[in-house]
Amino acid sequence: MKKIYKIEVDCAACALKMEQAAKKVEGILDATVSFVTQKMHVEFDENAEPEKIMPKVLKACRKVEPDCEIEF
């Protein structure tokens, strides 16, 4: 399952850090963050529940970029 989320990220380097952090969260197969479009594309495991995983993604992203926001 793939979903797109609006994000707030300050720079391209920060977007890369958020992308790498998101990919480490259990239940995430792939994630890409675009600084230009301010969007995060996420591919979830087949049996994953995005509403339970995305708070974990936000927490992981805030460890590397404390002021980031993800609308889910």
PDB file of N, CA and C in Angstrom:
ATOM      1  N   MET A   1       0.844  -1.166   0.000  1.00  0.00           N
ATOM      2  CA  MET A   1       0.000   0.000   0.000  1.00  0.00           C
ATOM      3  C   MET A   1       0.896   1.237   0.000  1.00  0.00           C
ATOM      4  N   LYS A   2       0.549   2.206  -0.832  1.00  0.00           N
ATOM      5  CA  LYS A   2       1.298   3.455  -0.915  1.00  0.00           C
ATOM      6  C   LYS A   2       0.395   4.617  -0.547  1.00  0.00           C
ATOM      7  N   LYS A   3       0.972   5.578   0.180  1.00  0.00           N
ATOM      8  CA  LYS A   3       0.229   6.781   0.567  1.00  0.00           C
ATOM      9  C   LYS A   3       1.148   7.985   0.440  1.00  0.00           C
ATOM     10  N   ILE A   4       0.535   9.152   0.274  1.00  0.00           N
ATOM     11  CA  ILE A   4       1.275  10.407   0.185  1.00  0.00           C
ATOM     12  C   ILE A   4       0.813  11.314   1.322  1.00  0.00           C
ATOM     13  N   TYR A   5       1.780  11.915   2.013  1.00  0.00           N
ATOM     14  CA  TYR A   5       1.482  12.798   3.146  1.00  0.00           C
ATOM     15  C   TYR A   5       2.115  14.160   2.919  1.00  0.00           C
ATOM     16  N   LYS A   6       1.416  15.217   3.349  1.00  0.00           N
ATOM     17  CA  LYS A   6       1.996  16.554   3.332  1.00  0.00           C
ATOM     18  C   LYS A   6       2.946  16.661   4.511  1.00  0.00           C
ATOM     19  N   ILE A   7       4.078  17.311   4.268  1.00  0.00           N
ATOM     20  CA  ILE A   7       5.071  17.495   5.324  1.00  0.00           C
ATOM     21  C   ILE A   7       5.521  18.950   5.356  1.00  0.00           C
ATOM     22  N   GLU A   8       6.214  19.298   6.418  1.00  0.00           N
ATOM     23  CA  GLU A   8       6.912  20.577   6.496  1.00  0.00           C
ATOM     24  C   GLU A   8       8.359  20.257   6.788  1.00  0.00           C
ATOM     25  N   VAL A   9       9.214  20.575   5.827  1.00  0.00           N
ATOM     26  CA  VAL A   9      10.643  20.326   5.988  1.00  0.00           C
ATOM     27  C   VAL A   9      11.391  21.555   5.474  1.00  0.00           C
ATOM     28  N   ASP A  10      12.464  21.931   6.175  1.00  0.00           N
ATOM     29  CA  ASP A  10      13.143  23.198   5.911  1.00  0.00           C
ATOM     30  C   ASP A  10      14.164  23.179   4.782  1.00  0.00           C
ATOM     31  N   CYS A  11      14.760  22.035   4.491  1.00  0.00           N
ATOM     32  CA  CYS A  11      15.801  21.996   3.461  1.00  0.00           C
ATOM     33  C   CYS A  11      15.933  20.590   2.879  1.00  0.00           C
ATOM     34  N   ALA A  12      16.629  20.490   1.763  1.00  0.00           N
ATOM     35  CA  ALA A  12      16.793  19.199   1.095  1.00  0.00           C
ATOM     36  C   ALA A  12      17.584  18.215   1.957  1.00  0.00           C
ATOM     37  N   ALA A  13      18.572  18.705   2.675  1.00  0.00           N
ATOM     38  CA  ALA A  13      19.358  17.830   3.545  1.00  0.00           C
ATOM     39  C   ALA A  13      18.494  17.259   4.669  1.00  0.00           C
ATOM     40  N   CYS A  14      17.605  18.086   5.194  1.00  0.00           N
ATOM     41  CA  CYS A  14      16.685  17.635   6.240  1.00  0.00           C
ATOM     42  C   CYS A  14      15.720  16.591   5.682  1.00  0.00           C
ATOM     43  N   ALA A  15      15.265  16.799   4.453  1.00  0.00           N
ATOM     44  CA  ALA A  15      14.369  15.844   3.806  1.00  0.00           C
ATOM     45  C   ALA A  15      15.037  14.481   3.687  1.00  0.00           C
ATOM     46  N   LEU A  16      16.301  14.471   3.336  1.00  0.00           N
ATOM     47  CA  LEU A  16      17.044  13.207   3.225  1.00  0.00           C
ATOM     48  C   LEU A  16      17.150  12.521   4.575  1.00  0.00           C
ATOM     49  N   LYS A  17      17.416  13.277   5.630  1.00  0.00           N
ATOM     50  CA  LYS A  17      17.496  12.700   6.976  1.00  0.00           C
ATOM     51  C   LYS A  17      16.157  12.097   7.398  1.00  0.00           C
ATOM     52  N   MET A  18      15.070  12.804   7.082  1.00  0.00           N
ATOM     53  CA  MET A  18      13.731  12.309   7.421  1.00  0.00           C
ATOM     54  C   MET A  18      13.422  11.033   6.646  1.00  0.00           C
ATOM     55  N   GLU A  19      13.810  11.018   5.393  1.00  0.00           N
ATOM     56  CA  GLU A  19      13.590   9.839   4.546  1.00  0.00           C
ATOM     57  C   GLU A  19      14.310   8.625   5.127  1.00  0.00           C
ATOM     58  N   GLN A  20      15.551   8.804   5.505  1.00  0.00           N
ATOM     59  CA  GLN A  20      16.331   7.704   6.073  1.00  0.00           C
ATOM     60  C   GLN A  20      15.734   7.233   7.392  1.00  0.00           C
ATOM     61  N   ALA A  21      15.270   8.151   8.220  1.00  0.00           N
ATOM     62  CA  ALA A  21      14.657   7.787   9.499  1.00  0.00           C
ATOM     63  C   ALA A  21      13.361   7.011   9.279  1.00  0.00           C
ATOM     64  N   ALA A  22      12.550   7.454   8.332  1.00  0.00           N
ATOM     65  CA  ALA A  22      11.270   6.799   8.058  1.00  0.00           C
ATOM     66  C   ALA A  22      11.480   5.364   7.576  1.00  0.00           C
ATOM     67  N   LYS A  23      12.494   5.147   6.768  1.00  0.00           N
ATOM     68  CA  LYS A  23      12.757   3.816   6.222  1.00  0.00           C
ATOM     69  C   LYS A  23      13.115   2.794   7.301  1.00  0.00           C
ATOM     70  N   LYS A  24      13.547   3.266   8.457  1.00  0.00           N
ATOM     71  CA  LYS A  24      13.942   2.369   9.547  1.00  0.00           C
ATOM     72  C   LYS A  24      12.762   1.924  10.412  1.00  0.00           C
ATOM     73  N   VAL A  25      11.603   2.553  10.237  1.00  0.00           N
ATOM     74  CA  VAL A  25      10.428   2.230  11.042  1.00  0.00           C
ATOM     75  C   VAL A  25       9.831   0.907  10.560  1.00  0.00           C
ATOM     76  N   GLU A  26       9.520   0.037  11.515  1.00  0.00           N
ATOM     77  CA  GLU A  26       8.921  -1.257  11.188  1.00  0.00           C
ATOM     78  C   GLU A  26       7.575  -1.047  10.493  1.00  0.00           C
ATOM     79  N   GLY A  27       7.368  -1.754   9.406  1.00  0.00           N
ATOM     80  CA  GLY A  27       6.135  -1.631   8.640  1.00  0.00           C
ATOM     81  C   GLY A  27       6.281  -0.771   7.396  1.00  0.00           C
ATOM     82  N   ILE A  28       7.430  -0.091   7.261  1.00  0.00           N
ATOM     83  CA  ILE A  28       7.692   0.757   6.103  1.00  0.00           C
ATOM     84  C   ILE A  28       8.602  -0.001   5.135  1.00  0.00           C
ATOM     85  N   LEU A  29       8.159  -0.137   3.901  1.00  0.00           N
ATOM     86  CA  LEU A  29       8.995  -0.760   2.871  1.00  0.00           C
ATOM     87  C   LEU A  29       9.895   0.273   2.210  1.00  0.00           C
ATOM     88  N   ASP A  30       9.334   1.463   1.954  1.00  0.00           N
ATOM     89  CA  ASP A  30      10.105   2.516   1.297  1.00  0.00           C
ATOM     90  C   ASP A  30       9.484   3.864   1.640  1.00  0.00           C
ATOM     91  N   ALA A  31      10.323   4.885   1.618  1.00  0.00           N
ATOM     92  CA  ALA A  31       9.841   6.240   1.870  1.00  0.00           C
ATOM     93  C   ALA A  31      10.715   7.213   1.094  1.00  0.00           C
ATOM     94  N   THR A  32      10.082   8.215   0.508  1.00  0.00           N
ATOM     95  CA  THR A  32      10.817   9.294  -0.141  1.00  0.00           C
ATOM     96  C   THR A  32      10.214  10.610   0.316  1.00  0.00           C
ATOM     97  N   VAL A  33      11.084  11.578   0.552  1.00  0.00           N
ATOM     98  CA  VAL A  33      10.651  12.889   1.011  1.00  0.00           C
ATOM     99  C   VAL A  33      11.135  13.919   0.002  1.00  0.00           C
ATOM    100  N   SER A  34      10.222  14.747  -0.468  1.00  0.00           N
ATOM    101  CA  SER A  34      10.569  15.791  -1.419  1.00  0.00           C
ATOM    102  C   SER A  34      10.492  17.158  -0.745  1.00  0.00           C
ATOM    103  N   PHE A  35      11.636  17.830  -0.692  1.00  0.00           N
ATOM    104  CA  PHE A  35      11.670  19.188  -0.154  1.00  0.00           C
ATOM    105  C   PHE A  35      10.911  20.136  -1.083  1.00  0.00           C
ATOM    106  N   VAL A  36      11.030  19.930  -2.383  1.00  0.00           N
ATOM    107  CA  VAL A  36      10.408  20.809  -3.375  1.00  0.00           C
ATOM    108  C   VAL A  36       8.882  20.766  -3.285  1.00  0.00           C
ATOM    109  N   THR A  37       8.310  19.567  -3.221  1.00  0.00           N
ATOM    110  CA  THR A  37       6.848  19.440  -3.195  1.00  0.00           C
ATOM    111  C   THR A  37       6.282  19.399  -1.782  1.00  0.00           C
ATOM    112  N   GLN A  38       7.164  19.253  -0.783  1.00  0.00           N
ATOM    113  CA  GLN A  38       6.751  19.151   0.618  1.00  0.00           C
ATOM    114  C   GLN A  38       5.810  17.963   0.813  1.00  0.00           C
ATOM    115  N   LYS A  39       6.207  16.821   0.241  1.00  0.00           N
ATOM    116  CA  LYS A  39       5.415  15.592   0.358  1.00  0.00           C
ATOM    117  C   LYS A  39       6.304  14.408   0.711  1.00  0.00           C
ATOM    118  N   MET A  40       5.697  13.470   1.428  1.00  0.00           N
ATOM    119  CA  MET A  40       6.362  12.215   1.772  1.00  0.00           C
ATOM    120  C   MET A  40       5.551  11.085   1.144  1.00  0.00           C
ATOM    121  N   HIS A  41       6.222  10.302   0.317  1.00  0.00           N
ATOM    122  CA  HIS A  41       5.608   9.122  -0.298  1.00  0.00           C
ATOM    123  C   HIS A  41       6.045   7.920   0.526  1.00  0.00           C
ATOM    124  N   VAL A  42       5.093   7.148   1.001  1.00  0.00           N
ATOM    125  CA  VAL A  42       5.392   6.016   1.873  1.00  0.00           C
ATOM    126  C   VAL A  42       4.767   4.749   1.301  1.00  0.00           C
ATOM    127  N   GLU A  43       5.569   3.690   1.278  1.00  0.00           N
ATOM    128  CA  GLU A  43       5.066   2.375   0.894  1.00  0.00           C
ATOM    129  C   GLU A  43       5.100   1.496   2.137  1.00  0.00           C
ATOM    130  N   PHE A  44       3.935   0.971   2.498  1.00  0.00           N
ATOM    131  CA  PHE A  44       3.798   0.167   3.706  1.00  0.00           C
ATOM    132  C   PHE A  44       3.851  -1.323   3.388  1.00  0.00           C
ATOM    133  N   ASP A  45       4.221  -2.127   4.406  1.00  0.00           N
ATOM    134  CA  ASP A  45       4.094  -3.580   4.303  1.00  0.00           C
ATOM    135  C   ASP A  45       2.642  -3.916   3.987  1.00  0.00           C
ATOM    136  N   GLU A  46       2.437  -5.085   3.424  1.00  0.00           N
ATOM    137  CA  GLU A  46       1.105  -5.515   3.008  1.00  0.00           C
ATOM    138  C   GLU A  46       0.089  -5.498   4.151  1.00  0.00           C
ATOM    139  N   ASN A  47       0.476  -5.937   5.334  1.00  0.00           N
ATOM    140  CA  ASN A  47      -0.453  -6.037   6.467  1.00  0.00           C
ATOM    141  C   ASN A  47      -0.355  -4.858   7.439  1.00  0.00           C
ATOM    142  N   ALA A  48       0.354  -3.834   7.045  1.00  0.00           N
ATOM    143  CA  ALA A  48       0.577  -2.694   7.930  1.00  0.00           C
ATOM    144  C   ALA A  48      -0.678  -1.841   8.094  1.00  0.00           C
ATOM    145  N   GLU A  49      -0.761  -1.171   9.231  1.00  0.00           N
ATOM    146  CA  GLU A  49      -1.846  -0.241   9.511  1.00  0.00           C
ATOM    147  C   GLU A  49      -1.247   1.170   9.571  1.00  0.00           C
ATOM    148  N   PRO A  50      -1.376   1.929   8.477  1.00  0.00           N
ATOM    149  CA  PRO A  50      -0.749   3.254   8.416  1.00  0.00           C
ATOM    150  C   PRO A  50      -1.076   4.159   9.592  1.00  0.00           C
ATOM    151  N   GLU A  51      -2.314   4.100  10.097  1.00  0.00           N
ATOM    152  CA  GLU A  51      -2.688   4.981  11.203  1.00  0.00           C
ATOM    153  C   GLU A  51      -1.921   4.672  12.482  1.00  0.00           C
ATOM    154  N   LYS A  52      -1.378   3.465  12.604  1.00  0.00           N
ATOM    155  CA  LYS A  52      -0.567   3.106  13.768  1.00  0.00           C
ATOM    156  C   LYS A  52       0.925   3.337  13.506  1.00  0.00           C
ATOM    157  N   ILE A  53       1.328   3.273  12.256  1.00  0.00           N
ATOM    158  CA  ILE A  53       2.740   3.399  11.903  1.00  0.00           C
ATOM    159  C   ILE A  53       3.176   4.859  11.766  1.00  0.00           C
ATOM    160  N   MET A  54       2.320   5.716  11.221  1.00  0.00           N
ATOM    161  CA  MET A  54       2.728   7.095  10.955  1.00  0.00           C
ATOM    162  C   MET A  54       3.122   7.884  12.204  1.00  0.00           C
ATOM    163  N   PRO A  55       2.494   7.697  13.371  1.00  0.00           N
ATOM    164  CA  PRO A  55       3.011   8.381  14.557  1.00  0.00           C
ATOM    165  C   PRO A  55       4.452   7.957  14.879  1.00  0.00           C
ATOM    166  N   LYS A  56       4.791   6.709  14.608  1.00  0.00           N
ATOM    167  CA  LYS A  56       6.160   6.231  14.818  1.00  0.00           C
ATOM    168  C   LYS A  56       7.111   6.862  13.810  1.00  0.00           C
ATOM    169  N   VAL A  57       6.632   7.045  12.584  1.00  0.00           N
ATOM    170  CA  VAL A  57       7.440   7.712  11.557  1.00  0.00           C
ATOM    171  C   VAL A  57       7.702   9.152  11.974  1.00  0.00           C
ATOM    172  N   LEU A  58       6.678   9.852  12.441  1.00  0.00           N
ATOM    173  CA  LEU A  58       6.846  11.234  12.886  1.00  0.00           C
ATOM    174  C   LEU A  58       7.843  11.311  14.032  1.00  0.00           C
ATOM    175  N   LYS A  59       7.745  10.400  14.972  1.00  0.00           N
ATOM    176  CA  LYS A  59       8.670  10.387  16.107  1.00  0.00           C
ATOM    177  C   LYS A  59      10.108  10.168  15.631  1.00  0.00           C
ATOM    178  N   ALA A  60      10.300   9.241  14.698  1.00  0.00           N
ATOM    179  CA  ALA A  60      11.638   8.968  14.154  1.00  0.00           C
ATOM    180  C   ALA A  60      12.174  10.183  13.402  1.00  0.00           C
ATOM    181  N   CYS A  61      11.316  10.837  12.643  1.00  0.00           N
ATOM    182  CA  CYS A  61      11.737  12.017  11.888  1.00  0.00           C
ATOM    183  C   CYS A  61      12.091  13.172  12.810  1.00  0.00           C
ATOM    184  N   ARG A  62      11.354  13.312  13.901  1.00  0.00           N
ATOM    185  CA  ARG A  62      11.639  14.400  14.840  1.00  0.00           C
ATOM    186  C   ARG A  62      12.946  14.197  15.601  1.00  0.00           C
ATOM    187  N   LYS A  63      13.425  12.966  15.653  1.00  0.00           N
ATOM    188  CA  LYS A  63      14.725  12.726  16.284  1.00  0.00           C
ATOM    189  C   LYS A  63      15.842  13.356  15.459  1.00  0.00           C
ATOM    190  N   VAL A  64      15.675  13.391  14.147  1.00  0.00           N
ATOM    191  CA  VAL A  64      16.705  13.973  13.279  1.00  0.00           C
ATOM    192  C   VAL A  64      16.373  15.409  12.877  1.00  0.00           C
ATOM    193  N   GLU A  65      15.104  15.763  12.904  1.00  0.00           N
ATOM    194  CA  GLU A  65      14.656  17.107  12.524  1.00  0.00           C
ATOM    195  C   GLU A  65      13.504  17.514  13.437  1.00  0.00           C
ATOM    196  N   PRO A  66      13.815  18.071  14.629  1.00  0.00           N
ATOM    197  CA  PRO A  66      12.814  18.308  15.678  1.00  0.00           C
ATOM    198  C   PRO A  66      11.589  19.128  15.278  1.00  0.00           C
ATOM    199  N   ASP A  67      11.727  20.025  14.302  1.00  0.00           N
ATOM    200  CA  ASP A  67      10.575  20.861  13.960  1.00  0.00           C
ATOM    201  C   ASP A  67       9.774  20.382  12.749  1.00  0.00           C
ATOM    202  N   CYS A  68       9.997  19.149  12.318  1.00  0.00           N
ATOM    203  CA  CYS A  68       9.261  18.649  11.150  1.00  0.00           C
ATOM    204  C   CYS A  68       7.804  18.366  11.520  1.00  0.00           C
ATOM    205  N   GLU A  69       6.953  18.404  10.517  1.00  0.00           N
ATOM    206  CA  GLU A  69       5.535  18.106  10.665  1.00  0.00           C
ATOM    207  C   GLU A  69       5.107  17.178   9.540  1.00  0.00           C
ATOM    208  N   ILE A  70       4.259  16.214   9.851  1.00  0.00           N
ATOM    209  CA  ILE A  70       3.676  15.336   8.846  1.00  0.00           C
ATOM    210  C   ILE A  70       2.174  15.308   9.098  1.00  0.00           C
ATOM    211  N   GLU A  71       1.394  15.613   8.068  1.00  0.00           N
ATOM    212  CA  GLU A  71      -0.069  15.587   8.200  1.00  0.00           C
ATOM    213  C   GLU A  71      -0.569  14.194   7.841  1.00  0.00           C
ATOM    214  N   PHE A  72      -1.120  13.503   8.827  1.00  0.00           N
ATOM    215  CA  PHE A  72      -1.699  12.177   8.554  1.00  0.00           C
ATOM    216  C   PHE A  72      -3.018  12.017   9.250  1.00  0.00           C
TER     217      PHE A  72
END
